[in-house]
Protein backbone atom coordinates (compact mmCIF):
# COMPACT_ATOMS: atom_id res chain seq x y z
CA MET A 1 0.00 0.00 0.00
CA SER A 2 1.40 3.41 -0.94
CA ARG A 3 1.82 6.01 1.74
CA GLY A 4 0.05 9.35 1.62
CA LEU A 5 1.81 12.69 1.38
CA GLY A 6 1.48 13.22 5.13
CA ASP A 7 3.34 9.98 5.84
CA ARG A 8 6.04 10.84 3.31
CA ALA A 9 6.50 14.29 4.79
CA ARG A 10 7.05 12.78 8.21
CA SER A 11 9.39 10.08 6.94
CA TRP A 12 11.79 11.56 4.40
CA ALA A 13 14.13 14.50 4.82
CA ILE A 14 15.71 14.13 1.38
CA GLU A 15 14.52 12.21 -1.69
CA VAL A 16 16.82 11.91 -4.70
CA GLU A 17 15.37 10.23 -7.76
CA ASP A 18 17.07 9.26 -11.05
CA LEU A 19 19.84 11.83 -10.49
CA THR A 20 22.47 12.02 -13.21
CA VAL A 21 25.26 14.63 -13.24
CA ALA A 22 27.91 14.90 -15.95
CA TYR A 23 30.95 17.12 -16.50
CA THR A 24 31.92 17.51 -20.18
CA ASP A 25 29.80 14.47 -21.11
CA LYS A 26 31.44 12.25 -18.45
CA PRO A 27 28.92 10.99 -15.86
CA VAL A 28 29.91 11.81 -12.29
CA LEU A 29 26.65 10.49 -10.86
CA TRP A 30 24.52 8.04 -12.78
CA ASP A 31 20.83 7.39 -12.11
CA VAL A 32 21.17 7.76 -8.34
CA ASP A 33 18.18 7.06 -6.13
CA VAL A 34 18.33 7.53 -2.37
CA SER A 35 15.82 8.49 0.31
CA ILE A 36 17.13 9.75 3.65
CA PRO A 37 14.82 9.49 6.67
CA ARG A 38 14.29 12.39 9.01
CA GLY A 39 16.12 12.40 12.33
CA THR A 40 19.12 10.32 11.33
CA ARG A 41 22.89 10.65 10.91
CA MET A 42 23.93 9.32 7.52
CA ALA A 43 27.41 8.92 6.05
CA ILE A 44 28.19 9.09 2.34
CA VAL A 45 31.29 7.02 1.63
CA GLY A 46 33.11 5.94 -1.50
CA PRO A 47 36.44 6.23 -3.30
CA ASN A 48 37.90 9.44 -4.70
CA GLY A 49 35.93 10.54 -7.72
CA ALA A 50 32.83 8.63 -6.62
CA GLY A 51 30.66 11.75 -6.75
CA LYS A 52 30.17 12.25 -3.01
CA SER A 53 30.63 16.04 -2.98
CA THR A 54 28.77 16.31 -6.27
CA LEU A 55 25.77 14.58 -4.73
CA VAL A 56 25.74 16.99 -1.79
CA LYS A 57 26.02 20.01 -4.10
CA SER A 58 23.26 18.64 -6.30
CA ILE A 59 20.99 18.26 -3.28
CA LEU A 60 21.73 21.90 -2.46
CA GLY A 61 21.03 23.05 -6.01
CA LEU A 62 24.62 24.25 -6.48
CA ILE A 63 25.06 21.87 -9.43
CA ARG A 64 22.42 21.41 -12.11
CA PRO A 65 21.88 17.75 -12.94
CA VAL A 66 21.41 16.36 -16.43
CA ALA A 67 18.37 14.50 -15.16
CA GLY A 68 16.59 13.68 -11.94
CA THR A 69 14.85 15.40 -9.08
CA VAL A 70 15.53 16.33 -5.46
CA ARG A 71 12.83 16.82 -2.87
CA ILE A 72 13.34 18.29 0.59
CA LEU A 73 10.79 17.36 3.23
CA SER A 74 8.60 16.09 0.36
CA ARG A 75 8.58 19.42 -1.44
CA PRO A 76 10.61 20.77 -4.38
CA LEU A 77 14.13 21.90 -3.51
CA ASP A 78 13.59 25.56 -4.45
CA GLU A 79 10.71 25.80 -1.96
CA MET A 80 12.62 24.27 0.95
CA ILE A 81 16.26 25.27 0.52
CA GLY A 82 15.97 27.47 3.61
CA GLN A 83 15.59 24.30 5.68
CA VAL A 84 19.04 23.05 4.65
CA ALA A 85 22.37 24.17 6.20
CA TYR A 86 25.65 23.42 4.46
CA VAL A 87 29.17 22.98 5.82
CA PRO A 88 31.58 23.07 2.85
CA GLN A 89 35.09 21.71 2.75
CA ARG A 90 37.55 24.06 4.43
CA SER A 91 39.44 24.49 1.16
CA GLN A 92 36.45 26.37 -0.26
CA ILE A 93 36.78 29.20 2.27
CA ASP A 94 38.98 32.27 1.80
CA TRP A 95 40.78 32.21 5.13
CA ASP A 96 42.58 35.46 4.34
CA PHE A 97 39.32 37.41 4.33
CA PRO A 98 39.53 40.07 7.07
CA THR A 99 36.77 39.08 9.46
CA SER A 100 36.48 37.68 12.96
CA VAL A 101 35.23 34.26 13.98
CA LEU A 102 32.07 35.72 15.52
CA ASP A 103 31.26 37.82 12.47
CA MET A 104 31.80 34.84 10.19
CA VAL A 105 29.35 32.77 12.23
CA VAL A 106 26.83 35.63 12.17
CA THR A 107 26.75 35.38 8.36
CA GLY A 108 24.89 32.12 8.86
CA THR A 109 21.86 34.17 9.94
CA TYR A 110 21.71 36.22 6.74
CA ARG A 111 19.23 33.98 4.95
CA ARG A 112 16.87 34.14 7.92
CA VAL A 113 17.09 37.88 8.69
CA GLY A 114 17.45 39.00 5.07
CA TRP A 115 20.48 40.30 3.19
CA LEU A 116 19.34 43.91 3.46
CA ARG A 117 18.95 43.95 7.25
CA ARG A 118 22.03 44.19 9.42
CA PRO A 119 22.25 41.40 12.02
CA GLY A 120 21.69 42.74 15.50
CA ALA A 121 22.29 41.76 19.10
CA ARG A 122 20.02 38.71 18.84
CA GLU A 123 21.97 37.27 15.92
CA LYS A 124 25.28 37.89 17.65
CA GLU A 125 23.99 36.16 20.77
CA GLN A 126 22.93 33.17 18.65
CA ALA A 127 26.40 33.11 17.09
CA SER A 128 28.05 33.19 20.51
CA ASP A 129 25.83 30.32 21.67
CA ALA A 130 26.80 28.29 18.59
CA LEU A 131 30.50 28.89 19.26
CA GLU A 132 29.93 27.70 22.82
CA LYS A 133 28.34 24.48 21.54
CA VAL A 134 31.34 23.70 19.34
CA GLY A 135 33.83 24.60 22.08
CA ILE A 136 35.49 27.76 20.76
CA ALA A 137 33.53 30.54 22.47
CA ALA A 138 36.79 32.18 23.57
CA LEU A 139 37.88 32.68 19.95
CA GLY A 140 35.03 34.93 18.85
CA ARG A 141 37.21 37.99 18.27
CA ARG A 142 40.08 36.13 16.61
CA PRO A 143 40.63 36.68 12.86
CA ILE A 144 39.60 33.58 10.95
CA GLY A 145 43.04 33.46 9.33
CA GLN A 146 44.60 32.64 12.71
CA LEU A 147 42.58 29.50 13.33
CA SER A 148 43.98 25.99 13.26
CA GLY A 149 42.37 23.42 11.00
CA GLY A 150 40.27 21.98 13.80
CA GLN A 151 39.17 25.44 14.92
CA GLN A 152 38.22 26.31 11.36
CA GLN A 153 35.98 23.26 11.16
CA ARG A 154 34.34 24.05 14.48
CA MET A 155 33.63 27.59 13.28
CA LEU A 156 32.04 26.33 10.06
CA LEU A 157 29.77 24.02 12.03
CA ALA A 158 28.81 26.91 14.32
CA ARG A 159 27.92 28.94 11.23
CA ALA A 160 25.60 26.14 10.14
CA LEU A 161 24.02 25.85 13.60
CA VAL A 162 22.80 29.46 13.60
CA GLN A 163 20.82 28.74 10.43
CA GLN A 164 18.42 26.72 12.61
CA ALA A 165 17.78 24.30 9.77
CA ASP A 166 16.07 20.92 9.73
CA ILE A 167 18.74 19.29 7.55
CA TYR A 168 22.54 19.61 7.79
CA LEU A 169 24.85 18.62 4.92
CA LEU A 170 28.56 18.46 5.74
CA ASP A 171 31.33 17.80 3.23
CA GLU A 172 34.33 16.03 4.83
CA PRO A 173 34.04 17.82 8.21
CA LEU A 174 36.38 15.36 9.94
CA GLN A 175 39.12 15.41 7.31
CA GLY A 176 42.44 16.42 8.85
CA VAL A 177 41.13 17.46 12.28
CA ASP A 178 42.59 16.39 15.62
CA ALA A 179 40.92 13.81 17.88
CA PRO A 180 39.38 16.33 20.33
CA THR A 181 37.83 18.25 17.44
CA GLU A 182 36.50 15.06 15.87
CA HIS A 183 34.88 14.00 19.13
CA ALA A 184 33.43 17.48 19.68
CA LEU A 185 31.95 17.63 16.18
CA ILE A 186 30.45 14.16 16.40
CA GLY A 187 28.92 15.14 19.75
CA VAL A 188 27.23 18.17 18.19
CA LEU A 189 25.98 16.10 15.25
CA GLY A 190 24.56 13.59 17.71
CA MET A 191 22.82 16.42 19.53
CA LEU A 192 21.24 17.57 16.27
CA ARG A 193 20.04 14.04 15.53
CA ASP A 194 18.56 13.77 19.02
CA GLU A 195 16.66 17.00 18.34
CA GLY A 196 15.07 15.39 15.28
CA LYS A 197 17.39 17.02 12.74
CA THR A 198 18.80 15.12 9.77
CA VAL A 199 22.58 15.07 9.36
CA VAL A 200 24.27 13.91 6.15
CA VAL A 201 28.08 13.72 6.15
CA VAL A 202 30.57 13.00 3.39
CA HIS A 203 32.93 10.78 5.35
CA HIS A 204 36.33 9.25 4.59
CA ASP A 205 37.15 6.98 7.54
CA LEU A 206 35.47 3.60 7.17
CA GLN A 207 36.64 2.49 10.61
CA THR A 208 34.34 4.99 12.36
CA VAL A 209 31.20 4.59 10.23
CA GLU A 210 29.61 2.06 12.59
CA GLU A 211 30.38 4.19 15.65
CA TYR A 212 29.33 7.57 14.28
CA PHE A 213 26.38 6.94 11.97
CA ASP A 214 22.95 5.31 11.86
CA ARG A 215 22.81 4.93 8.08
CA VAL A 216 25.27 4.85 5.21
CA LEU A 217 25.22 5.44 1.46
CA LEU A 218 27.92 3.53 -0.41
CA LEU A 219 28.51 5.53 -3.58
CA ASN A 220 30.67 5.03 -6.64
CA VAL A 221 29.02 7.05 -9.41
CA ARG A 222 25.98 4.84 -8.77
CA ASN A 223 24.26 4.03 -5.51
CA ILE A 224 25.88 0.73 -4.57
CA ALA A 225 23.84 0.34 -1.38
CA ASP A 226 22.16 2.47 1.27
CA GLY A 227 20.34 1.80 4.49
CA PRO A 228 21.02 1.15 8.18
CA VAL A 229 24.73 0.66 8.85
CA ARG A 230 24.18 -2.73 10.45
CA GLU A 231 22.47 -3.99 7.27
CA VAL A 232 24.48 -2.61 4.36
CA PHE A 233 27.95 -1.83 5.71
CA HIS A 234 29.61 -5.17 5.09
CA ASP A 235 32.38 -6.78 3.05
CA GLU A 236 30.46 -7.49 -0.11
CA ASN A 237 29.11 -3.96 -0.50
CA LEU A 238 32.45 -2.41 0.40
CA ARG A 239 34.19 -4.47 -2.28
CA ARG A 240 31.54 -3.50 -4.83
CA THR A 241 32.06 0.15 -3.88
CA TYR A 242 35.86 0.27 -3.82
CA GLY A 243 36.79 -2.52 -6.22
CA GLY A 244 40.26 -4.01 -6.29
CA ARG A 245 42.13 -0.71 -6.30
CA VAL A 246 42.50 -0.55 -2.55
CA GLY A 247 43.87 -2.70 0.23
CA LEU A 248 42.20 -4.11 3.26
CA VAL A 249 42.43 -2.88 6.82
CA SER A 250 40.95 -4.50 9.87
CA ARG A 251 38.12 -2.84 11.69
CA PRO A 252 36.42 -3.72 14.98
CA GLN A 253 34.50 -6.96 14.89
CA ARG A 254 30.75 -6.54 15.19
CA ARG A 255 29.10 -8.41 18.00
CA GLY A 256 27.53 -11.62 16.79
CA SER A 257 29.33 -11.58 13.43
CA PRO A 258 32.53 -13.11 12.14
CA GLY A 259 35.64 -11.01 11.79
CA ILE A 260 35.32 -8.49 8.97
CA ASP A 261 37.89 -6.62 6.96
CA ALA A 262 36.95 -3.20 5.62
CA VAL A 263 38.15 -1.59 2.46
CA LYS A 264 40.06 1.59 3.07
CA GLY A 265 39.55 4.44 0.63
């Protein structure tokens, strides 16, 4: 029996259907279907060139697909883009731009307050609260160019938090950060999930997928598999995703299952 619109709206945060993206006639994503439930933390994993960042940018409308559709909370993307917050890769930010950490986080409120209205005391208080949540409240006045890599990533997450969105898309937020930063970021993402938010993360470390995420999308141009981590994150799907171009590394054995080797991308 098919579900009604009300059931779909409650169930799915993001629906991607028949999505194909190509650069100069070369498919980067091919006929991708994936539905992401509300209130979950989902990892997108796959080898370099698999289309992980392209998928995130397509969901955001930053890349125009050749074919396919994206729905946010069961409505067209252009109607609901305000419900989506985005944390880009750090390499996409101009860290030489002369602004402070606090002012950079305040820019996350622009969509909500309007580009023509200057953020006020309320928005600055929200930015300070977000910096507190990510553990760098003391750095509010520091120029962004003086931040370490881990501090940069915390600031970018704080900027997303002030958007007060229902869905958070993060592109490699744990790449190159230190262990305390990784644990702090995962804690905040868990808090968002517990609040009913949906968190989708492009992730590179297969050894932490089971610990950090509820669901996983295994992507290599096509959707190889997606679903709950305990159901789809296994040897066969990993080999289908990564092929024979990579070696094997051991990962923690799951309770009640034989020893498993994971493919390292």
